[in-house]
């Protein structure tokens, strides 16, 4: 069964390099980023884990937890973190799920149910395990991004998307293309003009259905 936007994520018990956890307990009341990788000790993924480590203060500023997943063992994760920290110059202070049985990869619809890891496997055997999942405090999937193995993820965009999700959730609004914190928001069509004036003070109607406004401080 596919995991889609606004579905509650499965509450799996998982092994990580920091011990056993349940996904729902890990999320708790926080926003959470789950980012997946097809194999440890691969070049693009090493730079990505490093980028996540370097952004520790940004995740904390947004009240957001991060957790990685790779389809290798706990021991390999611990050794890989040494390379990640060497390359990035930042401590990788987040858990990495050891998904060597592919339970999480399959539950999050990254791999088909019949997938398995053959002896002598390469990253190509789990190439689709290259996704970012943003999960809300309600344990529901809010956003998914999936990348090919040759394209490193843009974590500035992950932060931007997280900001947009948090703004939308907290204020009952939408955000336009390329939105950044402080930009005008989009007023949902379900809000009448009178209610929009009451909520935002004033707004700009570019078309009858596209209305922009500043968020009140």
N, C-alpha and C. Protein backbone atom coordinates (compact mmCIF):
# COMPACT_ATOMS: atom_id res chain seq x y z
N UNK A 1 0.85 -1.20 0.00
CA UNK A 1 0.00 0.00 0.00
C UNK A 1 0.88 1.25 0.00
N UNK A 2 0.55 2.21 -0.87
CA UNK A 2 1.36 3.42 -0.98
C UNK A 2 1.14 4.33 0.22
N UNK A 3 2.19 5.03 0.61
CA UNK A 3 2.11 6.04 1.66
C UNK A 3 1.97 7.39 0.98
N UNK A 4 0.88 8.07 1.23
CA UNK A 4 0.60 9.32 0.53
C UNK A 4 0.53 10.49 1.51
N UNK A 5 0.56 11.70 0.92
CA UNK A 5 0.48 12.91 1.73
C UNK A 5 -0.77 12.84 2.63
N UNK A 6 -0.57 13.19 3.89
CA UNK A 6 -1.60 13.21 4.94
C UNK A 6 -1.94 11.83 5.50
N UNK A 7 -1.23 10.79 5.04
CA UNK A 7 -1.34 9.49 5.71
C UNK A 7 -0.50 9.51 6.99
N UNK A 8 -0.98 8.82 8.02
CA UNK A 8 -0.17 8.64 9.23
C UNK A 8 0.96 7.66 8.90
N UNK A 9 2.17 8.01 9.28
CA UNK A 9 3.30 7.13 8.97
C UNK A 9 3.21 5.87 9.81
N UNK A 10 3.74 4.76 9.32
CA UNK A 10 3.71 3.52 10.12
C UNK A 10 4.56 3.66 11.38
N UNK A 11 4.06 3.11 12.47
CA UNK A 11 4.78 3.19 13.74
C UNK A 11 5.70 1.97 13.88
N UNK A 12 6.78 1.97 13.12
CA UNK A 12 7.70 0.83 13.11
C UNK A 12 8.69 0.93 14.27
N UNK A 13 9.08 -0.21 14.80
CA UNK A 13 10.20 -0.30 15.73
C UNK A 13 11.46 -0.49 14.89
N UNK A 14 12.43 0.38 15.05
CA UNK A 14 13.61 0.34 14.20
C UNK A 14 14.89 0.35 15.03
N UNK A 15 15.92 -0.27 14.48
CA UNK A 15 17.25 -0.22 15.07
C UNK A 15 18.02 0.95 14.47
N UNK A 16 18.69 1.73 15.32
CA UNK A 16 19.53 2.82 14.84
C UNK A 16 20.90 2.72 15.50
N UNK A 17 21.80 3.54 15.03
CA UNK A 17 23.13 3.56 15.66
C UNK A 17 23.09 4.15 17.05
N UNK A 18 21.94 4.70 17.45
CA UNK A 18 21.77 5.25 18.80
C UNK A 18 20.79 4.41 19.63
N UNK A 19 20.47 3.20 19.15
CA UNK A 19 19.58 2.31 19.89
C UNK A 19 18.25 2.11 19.18
N UNK A 20 17.39 1.31 19.80
CA UNK A 20 16.09 0.99 19.22
C UNK A 20 15.09 2.09 19.54
N UNK A 21 14.27 2.45 18.54
CA UNK A 21 13.25 3.48 18.74
C UNK A 21 11.98 3.07 17.99
N UNK A 22 10.86 3.67 18.37
CA UNK A 22 9.65 3.58 17.54
C UNK A 22 9.52 4.92 16.82
N UNK A 23 9.06 4.88 15.59
CA UNK A 23 9.00 6.11 14.79
C UNK A 23 8.06 7.13 15.41
N UNK A 24 6.91 6.70 15.92
CA UNK A 24 5.97 7.65 16.51
C UNK A 24 6.54 8.29 17.78
N UNK A 25 7.24 7.50 18.58
CA UNK A 25 7.86 8.06 19.78
C UNK A 25 8.96 9.05 19.40
N UNK A 26 9.70 8.74 18.35
CA UNK A 26 10.76 9.65 17.92
C UNK A 26 10.17 10.98 17.46
N UNK A 27 9.12 10.94 16.66
CA UNK A 27 8.49 12.18 16.20
C UNK A 27 7.95 12.97 17.39
N UNK A 28 7.25 12.29 18.29
CA UNK A 28 6.70 12.98 19.46
C UNK A 28 5.79 14.11 19.05
N UNK A 29 6.06 15.31 19.56
CA UNK A 29 5.27 16.50 19.21
C UNK A 29 6.04 17.43 18.29
N UNK A 30 7.02 16.90 17.58
CA UNK A 30 7.90 17.72 16.75
C UNK A 30 7.64 17.50 15.27
N UNK A 31 8.11 18.44 14.48
CA UNK A 31 8.27 18.20 13.06
C UNK A 31 9.51 17.32 12.89
N UNK A 32 9.50 16.48 11.87
CA UNK A 32 10.60 15.53 11.70
C UNK A 32 10.95 15.41 10.22
N UNK A 33 12.26 15.34 9.95
CA UNK A 33 12.78 15.06 8.61
C UNK A 33 13.37 13.66 8.62
N UNK A 34 12.86 12.80 7.75
CA UNK A 34 13.45 11.47 7.52
C UNK A 34 14.07 11.48 6.14
N UNK A 35 15.37 11.26 6.07
CA UNK A 35 16.04 11.26 4.76
C UNK A 35 16.74 9.93 4.54
N UNK A 36 16.53 9.36 3.37
CA UNK A 36 16.94 7.98 3.13
C UNK A 36 18.08 7.90 2.12
N UNK A 37 18.83 6.80 2.24
CA UNK A 37 20.01 6.58 1.40
C UNK A 37 20.12 5.10 1.04
N UNK A 38 20.60 4.79 -0.18
CA UNK A 38 20.63 3.39 -0.63
C UNK A 38 21.81 2.59 -0.09
N UNK A 39 22.85 3.27 0.42
CA UNK A 39 24.01 2.51 0.89
C UNK A 39 24.97 3.44 1.62
N UNK A 40 25.63 2.91 2.65
CA UNK A 40 26.67 3.67 3.34
C UNK A 40 27.93 3.76 2.47
N UNK A 41 28.79 4.69 2.84
CA UNK A 41 30.10 4.85 2.18
C UNK A 41 29.94 5.11 0.68
N UNK A 42 28.96 5.94 0.31
CA UNK A 42 28.80 6.36 -1.08
C UNK A 42 29.03 7.87 -1.15
N UNK A 43 29.56 8.37 -2.26
CA UNK A 43 30.05 9.76 -2.27
C UNK A 43 28.98 10.82 -2.11
N UNK A 44 27.91 10.76 -2.92
CA UNK A 44 26.88 11.80 -2.85
C UNK A 44 26.20 11.79 -1.49
N UNK A 45 25.88 10.59 -1.00
CA UNK A 45 25.19 10.48 0.29
C UNK A 45 26.04 11.01 1.44
N UNK A 46 27.34 10.82 1.36
CA UNK A 46 28.23 11.33 2.41
C UNK A 46 28.15 12.85 2.48
N UNK A 47 28.12 13.51 1.32
CA UNK A 47 28.00 14.98 1.33
C UNK A 47 26.64 15.41 1.87
N UNK A 48 25.61 14.62 1.60
CA UNK A 48 24.26 14.98 2.07
C UNK A 48 24.14 14.84 3.58
N UNK A 49 24.63 13.73 4.12
CA UNK A 49 24.62 13.58 5.58
C UNK A 49 25.42 14.70 6.23
N UNK A 50 26.52 15.08 5.59
CA UNK A 50 27.32 16.18 6.11
C UNK A 50 26.55 17.49 6.11
N UNK A 51 25.79 17.74 5.06
CA UNK A 51 24.98 18.96 4.98
C UNK A 51 23.94 18.99 6.09
N UNK A 52 23.33 17.85 6.36
CA UNK A 52 22.35 17.77 7.46
C UNK A 52 23.01 18.06 8.80
N UNK A 53 24.21 17.52 9.01
CA UNK A 53 24.93 17.76 10.26
C UNK A 53 25.27 19.25 10.42
N UNK A 54 25.66 19.89 9.34
CA UNK A 54 26.02 21.31 9.39
C UNK A 54 24.82 22.20 9.71
N UNK A 55 23.63 21.72 9.45
CA UNK A 55 22.41 22.51 9.65
C UNK A 55 21.76 22.28 11.02
N UNK A 56 22.51 21.73 11.95
CA UNK A 56 21.94 21.40 13.27
C UNK A 56 21.19 22.59 13.89
N UNK A 57 21.78 23.78 13.87
CA UNK A 57 21.13 24.93 14.50
C UNK A 57 19.86 25.33 13.77
N UNK A 58 19.81 25.12 12.45
CA UNK A 58 18.61 25.45 11.69
C UNK A 58 17.46 24.50 12.02
N UNK A 59 17.76 23.20 12.17
CA UNK A 59 16.71 22.26 12.57
C UNK A 59 16.20 22.63 13.96
N UNK A 60 17.11 22.94 14.87
CA UNK A 60 16.70 23.29 16.24
C UNK A 60 15.84 24.55 16.26
N UNK A 61 16.20 25.53 15.45
CA UNK A 61 15.45 26.79 15.37
C UNK A 61 14.00 26.53 14.98
N UNK A 62 13.77 25.50 14.20
CA UNK A 62 12.44 25.17 13.69
C UNK A 62 11.76 24.07 14.51
N UNK A 63 12.35 23.69 15.63
CA UNK A 63 11.78 22.65 16.46
C UNK A 63 11.62 21.33 15.73
N UNK A 64 12.63 20.99 14.93
CA UNK A 64 12.55 19.84 14.03
C UNK A 64 13.64 18.82 14.33
N UNK A 65 13.24 17.55 14.36
CA UNK A 65 14.19 16.45 14.52
C UNK A 65 14.57 15.92 13.15
N UNK A 66 15.77 15.37 13.04
CA UNK A 66 16.18 14.71 11.80
C UNK A 66 16.62 13.29 12.11
N UNK A 67 16.32 12.39 11.19
CA UNK A 67 16.73 11.00 11.33
C UNK A 67 17.04 10.46 9.94
N UNK A 68 18.18 9.80 9.81
CA UNK A 68 18.56 9.21 8.54
C UNK A 68 18.16 7.75 8.47
N UNK A 69 18.23 7.21 7.27
CA UNK A 69 18.00 5.78 7.08
C UNK A 69 18.87 5.33 5.92
N UNK A 70 19.55 4.21 6.12
CA UNK A 70 20.31 3.59 5.04
C UNK A 70 20.18 2.08 5.20
N UNK A 71 20.21 1.37 4.09
CA UNK A 71 19.93 -0.07 4.15
C UNK A 71 21.22 -0.86 4.43
N UNK A 72 21.92 -0.45 5.48
CA UNK A 72 23.11 -1.14 5.98
C UNK A 72 22.98 -1.29 7.48
N UNK A 73 24.00 -1.88 8.09
CA UNK A 73 23.92 -2.25 9.51
C UNK A 73 24.28 -1.08 10.43
N UNK A 74 23.95 -1.26 11.71
CA UNK A 74 24.29 -0.28 12.73
C UNK A 74 25.79 -0.04 12.77
N UNK A 75 26.57 -1.09 12.73
CA UNK A 75 28.03 -0.94 12.81
C UNK A 75 28.57 -0.16 11.61
N UNK A 76 28.02 -0.43 10.43
CA UNK A 76 28.44 0.34 9.25
C UNK A 76 28.07 1.81 9.41
N UNK A 77 26.89 2.09 9.96
CA UNK A 77 26.49 3.48 10.18
C UNK A 77 27.48 4.20 11.10
N UNK A 78 27.88 3.52 12.16
CA UNK A 78 28.80 4.16 13.11
C UNK A 78 30.14 4.47 12.45
N UNK A 79 30.62 3.57 11.64
CA UNK A 79 31.88 3.80 10.93
C UNK A 79 31.72 4.87 9.86
N UNK A 80 30.58 4.88 9.19
CA UNK A 80 30.34 5.87 8.15
C UNK A 80 30.28 7.28 8.73
N UNK A 81 29.73 7.41 9.93
CA UNK A 81 29.65 8.74 10.55
C UNK A 81 31.03 9.37 10.71
N UNK A 82 32.05 8.55 10.87
CA UNK A 82 33.41 9.10 10.98
C UNK A 82 33.80 9.80 9.69
N UNK A 83 33.46 9.20 8.55
CA UNK A 83 33.73 9.83 7.26
C UNK A 83 32.88 11.09 7.07
N UNK A 84 31.61 11.01 7.46
CA UNK A 84 30.70 12.15 7.32
C UNK A 84 31.25 13.35 8.10
N UNK A 85 31.69 13.09 9.32
CA UNK A 85 32.21 14.17 10.15
C UNK A 85 33.54 14.70 9.63
N UNK A 86 34.35 13.82 9.07
CA UNK A 86 35.63 14.25 8.48
C UNK A 86 35.39 15.16 7.28
N UNK A 87 34.45 14.79 6.43
CA UNK A 87 34.17 15.55 5.20
C UNK A 87 33.48 16.87 5.51
N UNK A 88 32.53 16.86 6.44
CA UNK A 88 31.70 18.05 6.68
C UNK A 88 32.25 18.97 7.76
N UNK A 89 33.09 18.43 8.65
CA UNK A 89 33.57 19.23 9.76
C UNK A 89 32.51 19.45 10.82
N UNK A 90 31.45 18.63 10.81
CA UNK A 90 30.35 18.77 11.78
C UNK A 90 30.00 17.41 12.35
N UNK A 91 29.63 17.38 13.63
CA UNK A 91 29.23 16.14 14.27
C UNK A 91 27.85 15.71 13.73
N UNK A 92 27.75 14.44 13.37
CA UNK A 92 26.47 13.90 12.89
C UNK A 92 25.66 13.43 14.10
N UNK A 93 25.00 14.37 14.76
CA UNK A 93 24.31 14.09 16.03
C UNK A 93 22.84 13.78 15.80
N UNK A 94 22.60 12.80 14.96
CA UNK A 94 21.24 12.34 14.70
C UNK A 94 21.32 10.84 14.44
N UNK A 95 20.26 10.11 14.73
CA UNK A 95 20.31 8.66 14.51
C UNK A 95 20.17 8.30 13.04
N UNK A 96 20.73 7.13 12.69
CA UNK A 96 20.55 6.56 11.35
C UNK A 96 19.92 5.18 11.52
N UNK A 97 18.78 4.98 10.88
CA UNK A 97 18.10 3.69 10.95
C UNK A 97 18.88 2.65 10.15
N UNK A 98 19.05 1.48 10.73
CA UNK A 98 19.69 0.36 10.03
C UNK A 98 18.57 -0.46 9.37
N UNK A 99 18.27 -0.13 8.15
CA UNK A 99 17.13 -0.76 7.46
C UNK A 99 17.61 -1.92 6.59
N UNK A 100 18.44 -2.81 7.17
CA UNK A 100 18.99 -3.90 6.37
C UNK A 100 17.96 -4.97 6.05
N UNK A 101 16.78 -4.92 6.71
CA UNK A 101 15.70 -5.84 6.32
C UNK A 101 14.69 -5.16 5.38
N UNK A 102 14.95 -3.89 5.05
CA UNK A 102 14.14 -3.10 4.10
C UNK A 102 12.73 -2.81 4.60
N UNK A 103 12.48 -3.01 5.89
CA UNK A 103 11.12 -2.82 6.41
C UNK A 103 10.65 -1.37 6.24
N UNK A 104 11.52 -0.42 6.57
CA UNK A 104 11.14 0.99 6.45
C UNK A 104 11.06 1.40 4.99
N UNK A 105 12.02 0.97 4.19
CA UNK A 105 12.03 1.32 2.76
C UNK A 105 10.76 0.85 2.07
N UNK A 106 10.28 -0.32 2.45
CA UNK A 106 9.04 -0.84 1.85
C UNK A 106 7.81 -0.14 2.43
N UNK A 107 7.80 0.10 3.73
CA UNK A 107 6.65 0.75 4.36
C UNK A 107 6.45 2.17 3.85
N UNK A 108 7.55 2.84 3.50
CA UNK A 108 7.47 4.20 2.97
C UNK A 108 7.43 4.21 1.44
N UNK A 109 7.20 3.04 0.85
CA UNK A 109 6.96 2.90 -0.59
C UNK A 109 8.17 3.31 -1.43
N UNK A 110 9.37 3.13 -0.88
CA UNK A 110 10.58 3.40 -1.66
C UNK A 110 11.02 2.18 -2.45
N UNK A 111 10.65 1.00 -1.98
CA UNK A 111 10.99 -0.24 -2.66
C UNK A 111 9.74 -1.12 -2.74
N UNK A 112 9.63 -1.96 -3.78
CA UNK A 112 8.49 -2.87 -3.86
C UNK A 112 8.58 -3.95 -2.81
N UNK A 113 7.45 -4.56 -2.50
CA UNK A 113 7.40 -5.56 -1.42
C UNK A 113 8.28 -6.76 -1.69
N UNK A 114 8.54 -7.05 -2.97
CA UNK A 114 9.36 -8.23 -3.29
C UNK A 114 10.86 -7.92 -3.31
N UNK A 115 11.26 -6.69 -3.03
CA UNK A 115 12.68 -6.31 -3.09
C UNK A 115 13.47 -7.05 -2.01
N UNK A 116 14.73 -7.34 -2.32
CA UNK A 116 15.64 -7.94 -1.35
C UNK A 116 17.05 -7.47 -1.68
N UNK A 117 17.98 -7.68 -0.74
CA UNK A 117 19.36 -7.27 -0.94
C UNK A 117 20.21 -8.49 -1.25
N UNK A 118 20.68 -8.61 -2.49
CA UNK A 118 21.49 -9.79 -2.85
C UNK A 118 22.90 -9.67 -2.30
N UNK A 119 23.59 -10.78 -2.22
CA UNK A 119 25.01 -10.76 -1.86
C UNK A 119 25.77 -9.92 -2.87
N UNK A 120 26.72 -9.16 -2.37
CA UNK A 120 27.52 -8.34 -3.27
C UNK A 120 26.74 -7.21 -3.92
N UNK A 121 25.70 -6.76 -3.24
CA UNK A 121 24.85 -5.74 -3.83
C UNK A 121 25.60 -4.43 -4.05
N UNK A 122 25.05 -3.58 -4.91
CA UNK A 122 25.53 -2.22 -5.15
C UNK A 122 24.41 -1.25 -4.81
N UNK A 123 24.68 0.06 -4.78
CA UNK A 123 23.60 1.02 -4.52
C UNK A 123 22.46 0.92 -5.53
N UNK A 124 22.74 0.40 -6.72
CA UNK A 124 21.68 0.28 -7.73
C UNK A 124 20.53 -0.62 -7.28
N UNK A 125 20.81 -1.56 -6.39
CA UNK A 125 19.76 -2.46 -5.94
C UNK A 125 18.74 -1.76 -5.04
N UNK A 126 19.10 -0.62 -4.49
CA UNK A 126 18.17 0.14 -3.64
C UNK A 126 18.19 1.62 -4.03
N UNK A 127 18.30 1.85 -5.34
CA UNK A 127 18.48 3.22 -5.84
C UNK A 127 17.32 4.15 -5.48
N UNK A 128 16.11 3.60 -5.37
CA UNK A 128 14.96 4.48 -5.07
C UNK A 128 14.92 4.91 -3.61
N UNK A 129 15.81 4.38 -2.79
CA UNK A 129 15.87 4.83 -1.39
C UNK A 129 16.70 6.12 -1.36
N UNK A 130 16.15 7.16 -1.97
CA UNK A 130 16.81 8.47 -2.08
C UNK A 130 15.74 9.54 -1.91
N UNK A 131 15.07 9.50 -0.78
CA UNK A 131 13.93 10.39 -0.56
C UNK A 131 14.09 11.22 0.70
N UNK A 132 13.35 12.32 0.72
CA UNK A 132 13.20 13.15 1.92
C UNK A 132 11.72 13.13 2.29
N UNK A 133 11.42 12.84 3.54
CA UNK A 133 10.04 12.86 4.04
C UNK A 133 9.95 13.90 5.15
N UNK A 134 8.99 14.81 5.05
CA UNK A 134 8.73 15.74 6.14
C UNK A 134 7.44 15.29 6.83
N UNK A 135 7.54 15.07 8.13
CA UNK A 135 6.45 14.51 8.93
C UNK A 135 6.03 15.55 9.97
N UNK A 136 4.74 15.74 10.13
CA UNK A 136 4.23 16.71 11.09
C UNK A 136 4.12 16.14 12.49
N UNK A 137 3.88 16.99 13.48
CA UNK A 137 3.68 16.53 14.86
C UNK A 137 2.48 15.60 15.01
N UNK A 138 1.57 15.63 14.04
CA UNK A 138 0.42 14.72 14.06
C UNK A 138 0.76 13.35 13.48
N UNK A 139 2.05 13.13 13.22
CA UNK A 139 2.56 11.85 12.68
C UNK A 139 2.13 11.62 11.23
N UNK A 140 1.66 12.67 10.56
CA UNK A 140 1.22 12.53 9.17
C UNK A 140 2.31 13.00 8.21
N UNK A 141 2.39 12.31 7.07
CA UNK A 141 3.35 12.68 6.04
C UNK A 141 2.89 13.97 5.37
N UNK A 142 3.76 14.97 5.36
CA UNK A 142 3.40 16.28 4.81
C UNK A 142 4.01 16.54 3.44
N UNK A 143 5.16 15.94 3.16
CA UNK A 143 5.86 16.24 1.90
C UNK A 143 6.86 15.14 1.61
N UNK A 144 7.03 14.82 0.34
CA UNK A 144 8.03 13.84 -0.10
C UNK A 144 8.80 14.41 -1.28
N UNK A 145 10.11 14.25 -1.27
CA UNK A 145 10.96 14.57 -2.43
C UNK A 145 11.83 13.34 -2.70
N UNK A 146 11.93 12.93 -3.96
CA UNK A 146 12.76 11.78 -4.31
C UNK A 146 13.75 12.18 -5.41
N UNK A 147 15.00 11.80 -5.21
CA UNK A 147 16.09 12.18 -6.10
C UNK A 147 16.77 10.94 -6.69
N UNK A 148 17.36 11.08 -7.89
CA UNK A 148 18.20 10.00 -8.40
C UNK A 148 19.54 9.98 -7.67
N UNK A 149 20.30 8.92 -7.87
CA UNK A 149 21.56 8.77 -7.12
C UNK A 149 22.62 9.79 -7.52
N UNK A 150 22.51 10.34 -8.73
CA UNK A 150 23.57 11.23 -9.22
C UNK A 150 23.36 12.69 -8.84
N UNK A 151 22.22 13.01 -8.23
CA UNK A 151 21.90 14.41 -7.94
C UNK A 151 21.80 14.61 -6.43
N UNK A 152 22.74 15.36 -5.88
CA UNK A 152 22.71 15.65 -4.44
C UNK A 152 21.52 16.52 -4.07
N UNK A 153 20.95 16.24 -2.92
CA UNK A 153 19.78 16.98 -2.48
C UNK A 153 20.12 18.39 -2.04
N UNK A 154 19.19 19.31 -2.28
CA UNK A 154 19.36 20.71 -1.91
C UNK A 154 18.67 20.92 -0.57
N UNK A 155 19.45 20.95 0.50
CA UNK A 155 18.84 21.06 1.82
C UNK A 155 18.38 22.48 2.14
N UNK A 156 18.81 23.46 1.33
CA UNK A 156 18.21 24.78 1.45
C UNK A 156 16.74 24.72 1.02
N UNK A 157 16.44 23.91 0.03
CA UNK A 157 15.05 23.73 -0.39
C UNK A 157 14.26 22.94 0.64
N UNK A 158 14.90 21.96 1.29
CA UNK A 158 14.22 21.23 2.35
C UNK A 158 13.85 22.19 3.49
N UNK A 159 14.77 23.08 3.86
CA UNK A 159 14.47 24.07 4.89
C UNK A 159 13.34 25.00 4.44
N UNK A 160 13.40 25.46 3.18
CA UNK A 160 12.37 26.36 2.66
C UNK A 160 11.00 25.67 2.70
N UNK A 161 10.96 24.41 2.26
CA UNK A 161 9.70 23.67 2.27
C UNK A 161 9.19 23.47 3.70
N UNK A 162 10.11 23.20 4.63
CA UNK A 162 9.73 23.05 6.04
C UNK A 162 9.15 24.36 6.57
N UNK A 163 9.79 25.49 6.25
CA UNK A 163 9.26 26.79 6.67
C UNK A 163 7.86 27.01 6.11
N UNK A 164 7.66 26.65 4.85
CA UNK A 164 6.34 26.84 4.23
C UNK A 164 5.29 25.96 4.88
N UNK A 165 5.65 24.71 5.17
CA UNK A 165 4.71 23.81 5.84
C UNK A 165 4.35 24.31 7.23
N UNK A 166 5.35 24.75 7.98
CA UNK A 166 5.08 25.24 9.33
C UNK A 166 4.23 26.52 9.30
N UNK A 167 4.50 27.39 8.33
CA UNK A 167 3.72 28.62 8.20
C UNK A 167 2.29 28.32 7.79
N UNK A 168 2.13 27.44 6.83
CA UNK A 168 0.79 27.05 6.38
C UNK A 168 -0.02 26.42 7.51
N UNK A 169 0.63 25.50 8.23
CA UNK A 169 -0.05 24.79 9.31
C UNK A 169 -0.45 25.72 10.45
N UNK A 170 0.42 26.65 10.79
CA UNK A 170 0.18 27.52 11.94
C UNK A 170 -0.82 28.63 11.64
N UNK A 171 -0.94 29.01 10.37
CA UNK A 171 -1.74 30.19 10.03
C UNK A 171 -2.92 29.93 9.11
N UNK A 172 -3.09 28.71 8.65
CA UNK A 172 -4.21 28.41 7.76
C UNK A 172 -4.12 29.12 6.43
N UNK A 173 -2.91 29.20 5.88
CA UNK A 173 -2.69 29.88 4.60
C UNK A 173 -1.94 28.94 3.65
N UNK A 174 -1.71 29.42 2.44
CA UNK A 174 -0.89 28.71 1.47
C UNK A 174 0.30 29.61 1.11
N UNK A 175 1.28 29.04 0.42
CA UNK A 175 2.44 29.83 0.00
C UNK A 175 2.63 29.70 -1.51
N UNK A 176 3.01 30.79 -2.18
CA UNK A 176 3.19 30.75 -3.64
C UNK A 176 4.54 30.17 -4.04
N UNK A 177 4.76 30.10 -5.33
CA UNK A 177 6.04 29.61 -5.85
C UNK A 177 7.20 30.43 -5.30
N UNK A 178 8.26 29.73 -4.95
CA UNK A 178 9.52 30.36 -4.52
C UNK A 178 9.38 31.15 -3.21
N UNK A 179 8.34 30.88 -2.45
CA UNK A 179 8.10 31.62 -1.21
C UNK A 179 9.25 31.47 -0.23
N UNK A 180 9.58 32.55 0.44
CA UNK A 180 10.54 32.57 1.53
C UNK A 180 9.89 33.24 2.74
N UNK A 181 10.41 32.96 3.91
CA UNK A 181 9.87 33.58 5.13
C UNK A 181 9.87 35.10 4.98
N UNK A 182 8.74 35.72 5.27
CA UNK A 182 8.60 37.17 5.15
C UNK A 182 7.88 37.60 3.88
N UNK A 183 7.82 36.71 2.87
CA UNK A 183 7.10 37.02 1.63
C UNK A 183 5.59 36.97 1.87
N UNK A 184 4.85 37.54 0.92
CA UNK A 184 3.39 37.45 0.97
C UNK A 184 2.94 36.00 0.89
N UNK A 185 1.86 35.71 1.60
CA UNK A 185 1.25 34.38 1.53
C UNK A 185 0.04 34.43 0.59
N UNK A 186 -0.50 33.26 0.28
CA UNK A 186 -1.71 33.15 -0.53
C UNK A 186 -2.89 32.84 0.39
N UNK A 187 -3.98 33.58 0.21
CA UNK A 187 -5.18 33.36 1.01
C UNK A 187 -5.98 32.21 0.40
N UNK A 188 -6.28 31.17 1.15
CA UNK A 188 -7.05 30.05 0.60
C UNK A 188 -8.41 30.51 0.07
N UNK A 189 -8.85 29.83 -0.99
CA UNK A 189 -10.12 30.20 -1.63
C UNK A 189 -11.31 30.08 -0.68
N UNK A 190 -11.20 29.21 0.33
CA UNK A 190 -12.32 29.01 1.26
C UNK A 190 -12.55 30.22 2.17
N UNK A 191 -11.60 31.14 2.25
CA UNK A 191 -11.73 32.32 3.09
C UNK A 191 -12.38 33.44 2.28
N UNK A 192 -13.48 34.00 2.76
CA UNK A 192 -14.17 35.08 2.04
C UNK A 192 -13.35 36.36 2.09
N UNK A 193 -13.68 37.29 1.21
CA UNK A 193 -12.98 38.58 1.21
C UNK A 193 -13.14 39.29 2.55
N UNK A 194 -14.35 39.24 3.11
CA UNK A 194 -14.57 39.91 4.41
C UNK A 194 -13.72 39.27 5.50
N UNK A 195 -13.67 37.95 5.52
CA UNK A 195 -12.86 37.26 6.53
C UNK A 195 -11.37 37.51 6.29
N UNK A 196 -10.98 37.63 5.03
CA UNK A 196 -9.58 37.91 4.71
C UNK A 196 -9.19 39.30 5.21
N UNK A 197 -10.07 40.27 5.01
CA UNK A 197 -9.80 41.62 5.51
C UNK A 197 -9.69 41.62 7.03
N UNK A 198 -10.57 40.87 7.68
CA UNK A 198 -10.54 40.82 9.14
C UNK A 198 -9.27 40.14 9.63
N UNK A 199 -8.81 39.12 8.92
CA UNK A 199 -7.65 38.36 9.38
C UNK A 199 -6.33 39.04 9.04
N UNK A 200 -6.26 39.62 7.83
CA UNK A 200 -4.97 40.14 7.35
C UNK A 200 -4.93 41.66 7.28
N UNK A 201 -6.04 42.34 7.52
CA UNK A 201 -6.06 43.79 7.45
C UNK A 201 -6.35 44.27 6.04
N UNK A 202 -5.59 43.80 5.09
CA UNK A 202 -5.80 44.11 3.67
C UNK A 202 -5.15 43.01 2.85
N UNK A 203 -5.51 42.95 1.57
CA UNK A 203 -4.89 41.96 0.69
C UNK A 203 -4.91 42.48 -0.74
N UNK A 204 -4.11 41.85 -1.58
CA UNK A 204 -4.04 42.19 -2.99
C UNK A 204 -4.68 41.05 -3.79
N UNK A 205 -5.70 41.40 -4.59
CA UNK A 205 -6.37 40.40 -5.43
C UNK A 205 -5.80 40.48 -6.84
N UNK A 206 -4.94 39.53 -7.19
CA UNK A 206 -4.36 39.49 -8.54
C UNK A 206 -5.38 38.93 -9.53
N UNK A 207 -6.19 38.00 -9.09
CA UNK A 207 -7.35 37.50 -9.80
C UNK A 207 -8.39 37.22 -8.71
N UNK A 208 -9.65 36.92 -9.08
CA UNK A 208 -10.62 36.62 -8.02
C UNK A 208 -10.22 35.44 -7.14
N UNK A 209 -9.37 34.55 -7.66
CA UNK A 209 -9.00 33.37 -6.88
C UNK A 209 -7.57 33.41 -6.34
N UNK A 210 -6.78 34.41 -6.76
CA UNK A 210 -5.40 34.54 -6.28
C UNK A 210 -5.27 35.84 -5.51
N UNK A 211 -5.27 35.68 -4.19
CA UNK A 211 -5.19 36.84 -3.30
C UNK A 211 -3.96 36.68 -2.40
N UNK A 212 -3.18 37.75 -2.33
CA UNK A 212 -1.97 37.72 -1.52
C UNK A 212 -2.06 38.71 -0.38
N UNK A 213 -1.37 38.37 0.73
CA UNK A 213 -1.38 39.25 1.89
C UNK A 213 -0.12 39.03 2.70
N UNK A 214 0.18 39.99 3.56
CA UNK A 214 1.23 39.83 4.54
C UNK A 214 0.66 39.13 5.77
N UNK A 215 1.45 38.24 6.35
CA UNK A 215 1.02 37.66 7.61
C UNK A 215 1.10 38.71 8.71
N UNK A 216 0.10 38.78 9.57
CA UNK A 216 0.22 39.68 10.73
C UNK A 216 1.40 39.28 11.58
N UNK A 217 2.05 40.23 12.21
CA UNK A 217 3.20 39.91 13.06
C UNK A 217 2.73 39.10 14.25
